[in-house]
């Protein structure tokens, strides 16, 4: 399921209102789902599951440098999904 601009606009329409944890989880899930698998994997391991670079490298079989580079690239792609990012 893709994250739509309408969903984003709904959240931006009332910035003073906090979104529920369910809405935040759905938003993150939708955004991650739009990324290529490799990007989704590294962001999920690093920021959802909370693994550090060394643990992520071990789990993926990548070098620590690769994990760092992949994380930076994936974060850039994710940032581009946001309007005016």
N, C-alpha and C. Protein backbone atom coordinates (compact mmCIF):
# COMPACT_ATOMS: atom_id res chain seq x y z
N UNK A 1 0.85 -1.17 0.00
CA UNK A 1 0.00 0.00 0.00
C UNK A 1 0.89 1.24 0.00
N UNK A 2 0.61 2.14 -0.90
CA UNK A 2 1.41 3.35 -1.02
C UNK A 2 0.91 4.46 -0.12
N UNK A 3 1.84 5.24 0.33
CA UNK A 3 1.55 6.44 1.10
C UNK A 3 1.15 7.51 0.11
N UNK A 4 0.03 8.16 0.34
CA UNK A 4 -0.44 9.16 -0.61
C UNK A 4 -0.20 10.56 -0.09
N UNK A 5 -0.16 11.50 -1.00
CA UNK A 5 -0.03 12.90 -0.59
C UNK A 5 -1.25 13.34 0.21
N UNK A 6 -2.40 12.75 -0.06
CA UNK A 6 -3.60 13.08 0.72
C UNK A 6 -3.41 12.71 2.19
N UNK A 7 -2.81 11.56 2.45
CA UNK A 7 -2.54 11.17 3.84
C UNK A 7 -1.59 12.16 4.49
N UNK A 8 -0.57 12.56 3.77
CA UNK A 8 0.38 13.54 4.29
C UNK A 8 -0.32 14.88 4.54
N UNK A 9 -1.15 15.31 3.60
CA UNK A 9 -1.87 16.57 3.75
C UNK A 9 -2.80 16.55 4.97
N UNK A 10 -3.40 15.41 5.23
CA UNK A 10 -4.27 15.29 6.40
C UNK A 10 -3.49 15.50 7.70
N UNK A 11 -2.28 14.99 7.73
CA UNK A 11 -1.45 15.16 8.93
C UNK A 11 -0.99 16.61 9.04
N UNK A 12 -0.62 17.22 7.92
CA UNK A 12 -0.15 18.61 7.95
C UNK A 12 -1.27 19.61 8.21
N UNK A 13 -2.51 19.22 7.94
CA UNK A 13 -3.63 20.14 8.09
C UNK A 13 -3.79 20.61 9.53
N UNK A 14 -3.42 19.79 10.47
CA UNK A 14 -3.57 20.14 11.89
C UNK A 14 -2.28 19.81 12.62
N UNK A 15 -1.20 20.57 12.39
CA UNK A 15 0.08 20.23 13.02
C UNK A 15 0.08 20.31 14.53
N UNK A 16 -0.84 21.11 15.09
CA UNK A 16 -0.88 21.22 16.55
C UNK A 16 -1.49 19.98 17.20
N UNK A 17 -2.20 19.20 16.40
CA UNK A 17 -2.78 17.96 16.92
C UNK A 17 -1.76 16.84 16.79
N UNK A 18 -1.63 16.07 17.82
CA UNK A 18 -0.71 14.94 17.78
C UNK A 18 -1.41 13.78 17.08
N UNK A 19 -0.63 13.03 16.31
CA UNK A 19 -1.21 11.84 15.71
C UNK A 19 -1.04 10.68 16.68
N UNK A 20 -1.91 9.72 16.55
CA UNK A 20 -1.86 8.57 17.45
C UNK A 20 -0.67 7.69 17.09
N UNK A 21 -0.29 6.83 17.99
CA UNK A 21 0.81 5.91 17.72
C UNK A 21 0.45 4.98 16.57
N UNK A 22 -0.83 4.64 16.44
CA UNK A 22 -1.26 3.79 15.33
C UNK A 22 -1.10 4.52 14.00
N UNK A 23 -1.46 5.82 13.98
CA UNK A 23 -1.30 6.60 12.76
C UNK A 23 0.17 6.77 12.40
N UNK A 24 1.01 7.00 13.40
CA UNK A 24 2.44 7.14 13.17
C UNK A 24 3.03 5.85 12.64
N UNK A 25 2.63 4.73 13.21
CA UNK A 25 3.11 3.42 12.76
C UNK A 25 2.68 3.16 11.32
N UNK A 26 1.45 3.50 11.00
CA UNK A 26 0.94 3.31 9.64
C UNK A 26 1.71 4.19 8.65
N UNK A 27 1.97 5.42 9.04
CA UNK A 27 2.72 6.34 8.20
C UNK A 27 4.12 5.80 7.92
N UNK A 28 4.81 5.38 8.97
CA UNK A 28 6.16 4.83 8.81
C UNK A 28 6.13 3.57 7.95
N UNK A 29 5.17 2.70 8.22
CA UNK A 29 5.05 1.47 7.45
C UNK A 29 4.84 1.77 5.97
N UNK A 30 3.97 2.72 5.68
CA UNK A 30 3.69 3.08 4.29
C UNK A 30 4.91 3.70 3.61
N UNK A 31 5.61 4.58 4.32
CA UNK A 31 6.80 5.20 3.75
C UNK A 31 7.89 4.16 3.49
N UNK A 32 8.15 3.31 4.46
CA UNK A 32 9.17 2.27 4.29
C UNK A 32 8.80 1.33 3.15
N UNK A 33 7.51 1.06 3.00
CA UNK A 33 7.04 0.17 1.95
C UNK A 33 7.29 0.69 0.55
N UNK A 34 7.50 1.99 0.42
CA UNK A 34 7.75 2.58 -0.88
C UNK A 34 9.24 2.58 -1.26
N UNK A 35 10.08 2.22 -0.31
CA UNK A 35 11.52 2.17 -0.57
C UNK A 35 11.92 0.81 -1.16
N UNK A 36 13.04 0.79 -1.89
CA UNK A 36 13.55 -0.51 -2.35
C UNK A 36 13.89 -1.40 -1.14
N UNK A 37 13.84 -2.72 -1.33
CA UNK A 37 14.05 -3.65 -0.20
C UNK A 37 15.33 -3.40 0.59
N UNK A 38 16.41 -3.10 -0.08
CA UNK A 38 17.70 -2.88 0.60
C UNK A 38 17.64 -1.67 1.53
N UNK A 39 17.00 -0.60 1.05
CA UNK A 39 16.84 0.61 1.87
C UNK A 39 15.91 0.35 3.05
N UNK A 40 14.82 -0.34 2.76
CA UNK A 40 13.86 -0.68 3.81
C UNK A 40 14.52 -1.52 4.89
N UNK A 41 15.34 -2.49 4.48
CA UNK A 41 16.02 -3.37 5.42
C UNK A 41 16.94 -2.58 6.36
N UNK A 42 17.80 -1.74 5.80
CA UNK A 42 18.77 -1.04 6.64
C UNK A 42 18.08 -0.05 7.57
N UNK A 43 17.06 0.65 7.10
CA UNK A 43 16.37 1.59 7.97
C UNK A 43 15.59 0.87 9.07
N UNK A 44 14.99 -0.25 8.73
CA UNK A 44 14.25 -1.01 9.73
C UNK A 44 15.19 -1.55 10.81
N UNK A 45 16.30 -2.12 10.39
CA UNK A 45 17.24 -2.66 11.37
C UNK A 45 17.82 -1.56 12.25
N UNK A 46 18.19 -0.44 11.64
CA UNK A 46 18.85 0.64 12.39
C UNK A 46 17.89 1.41 13.28
N UNK A 47 16.72 1.79 12.74
CA UNK A 47 15.89 2.75 13.46
C UNK A 47 14.59 2.20 14.03
N UNK A 48 14.13 1.08 13.52
CA UNK A 48 12.93 0.46 14.09
C UNK A 48 13.35 -0.59 15.12
N UNK A 49 14.27 -1.46 14.71
CA UNK A 49 14.73 -2.51 15.62
C UNK A 49 15.83 -2.04 16.57
N UNK A 50 16.46 -0.92 16.23
CA UNK A 50 17.44 -0.32 17.14
C UNK A 50 18.83 -0.93 17.13
N UNK A 51 19.19 -1.64 16.06
CA UNK A 51 20.53 -2.22 15.98
C UNK A 51 21.55 -1.14 15.63
N UNK A 52 22.75 -1.27 16.15
CA UNK A 52 23.82 -0.33 15.79
C UNK A 52 24.46 -0.80 14.49
N UNK A 53 25.46 -0.04 14.03
CA UNK A 53 26.10 -0.35 12.75
C UNK A 53 26.72 -1.75 12.75
N UNK A 54 27.43 -2.10 13.81
CA UNK A 54 28.08 -3.40 13.88
C UNK A 54 27.06 -4.55 13.85
N UNK A 55 25.98 -4.40 14.60
CA UNK A 55 24.96 -5.44 14.63
C UNK A 55 24.28 -5.56 13.27
N UNK A 56 24.01 -4.43 12.64
CA UNK A 56 23.38 -4.44 11.32
C UNK A 56 24.30 -5.09 10.30
N UNK A 57 25.59 -4.78 10.38
CA UNK A 57 26.56 -5.40 9.47
C UNK A 57 26.57 -6.91 9.65
N UNK A 58 26.55 -7.36 10.89
CA UNK A 58 26.55 -8.79 11.17
C UNK A 58 25.29 -9.47 10.60
N UNK A 59 24.14 -8.84 10.83
CA UNK A 59 22.87 -9.43 10.39
C UNK A 59 22.72 -9.46 8.87
N UNK A 60 23.26 -8.46 8.20
CA UNK A 60 23.11 -8.38 6.74
C UNK A 60 24.25 -9.03 5.98
N UNK A 61 25.39 -9.20 6.66
CA UNK A 61 26.57 -9.70 5.97
C UNK A 61 27.33 -8.61 5.23
N UNK A 62 26.94 -7.35 5.46
CA UNK A 62 27.62 -6.22 4.84
C UNK A 62 28.76 -5.76 5.74
N UNK A 63 29.66 -4.97 5.17
CA UNK A 63 30.70 -4.34 5.98
C UNK A 63 30.07 -3.17 6.75
N UNK A 64 30.75 -2.71 7.78
CA UNK A 64 30.26 -1.56 8.54
C UNK A 64 30.17 -0.33 7.65
N UNK A 65 31.15 -0.17 6.76
CA UNK A 65 31.13 0.96 5.83
C UNK A 65 29.91 0.91 4.93
N UNK A 66 29.59 -0.30 4.46
CA UNK A 66 28.42 -0.46 3.60
C UNK A 66 27.14 -0.11 4.34
N UNK A 67 27.05 -0.51 5.59
CA UNK A 67 25.87 -0.18 6.38
C UNK A 67 25.73 1.33 6.52
N UNK A 68 26.83 2.01 6.79
CA UNK A 68 26.79 3.47 6.93
C UNK A 68 26.37 4.14 5.63
N UNK A 69 26.96 3.72 4.53
CA UNK A 69 26.63 4.31 3.22
C UNK A 69 25.18 4.03 2.86
N UNK A 70 24.76 2.79 3.05
CA UNK A 70 23.38 2.42 2.71
C UNK A 70 22.38 3.18 3.57
N UNK A 71 22.72 3.39 4.84
CA UNK A 71 21.84 4.15 5.73
C UNK A 71 21.70 5.59 5.25
N UNK A 72 22.79 6.21 4.89
CA UNK A 72 22.75 7.59 4.40
C UNK A 72 21.92 7.68 3.13
N UNK A 73 22.14 6.78 2.21
CA UNK A 73 21.38 6.79 0.94
C UNK A 73 19.90 6.55 1.17
N UNK A 74 19.58 5.61 2.04
CA UNK A 74 18.17 5.30 2.31
C UNK A 74 17.48 6.47 3.00
N UNK A 75 18.19 7.14 3.92
CA UNK A 75 17.60 8.30 4.60
C UNK A 75 17.34 9.43 3.60
N UNK A 76 18.24 9.60 2.64
CA UNK A 76 18.03 10.63 1.60
C UNK A 76 16.78 10.32 0.78
N UNK A 77 16.63 9.06 0.40
CA UNK A 77 15.45 8.65 -0.39
C UNK A 77 14.18 8.88 0.42
N UNK A 78 14.22 8.55 1.69
CA UNK A 78 13.05 8.73 2.55
C UNK A 78 12.72 10.21 2.69
N UNK A 79 13.73 11.03 2.86
CA UNK A 79 13.52 12.47 3.00
C UNK A 79 12.87 13.06 1.75
N UNK A 80 13.24 12.56 0.58
CA UNK A 80 12.67 13.06 -0.68
C UNK A 80 11.19 12.74 -0.82
N UNK A 81 10.70 11.80 -0.04
CA UNK A 81 9.28 11.45 -0.08
C UNK A 81 8.41 12.52 0.56
N UNK A 82 9.02 13.37 1.38
CA UNK A 82 8.27 14.41 2.06
C UNK A 82 8.24 15.66 1.20
N UNK A 83 7.08 16.26 1.04
CA UNK A 83 7.00 17.51 0.28
C UNK A 83 7.89 18.57 0.92
N UNK A 84 8.54 19.36 0.10
CA UNK A 84 9.40 20.45 0.54
C UNK A 84 10.56 19.97 1.40
N UNK A 85 10.98 18.72 1.20
CA UNK A 85 12.10 18.19 1.99
C UNK A 85 13.43 18.60 1.40
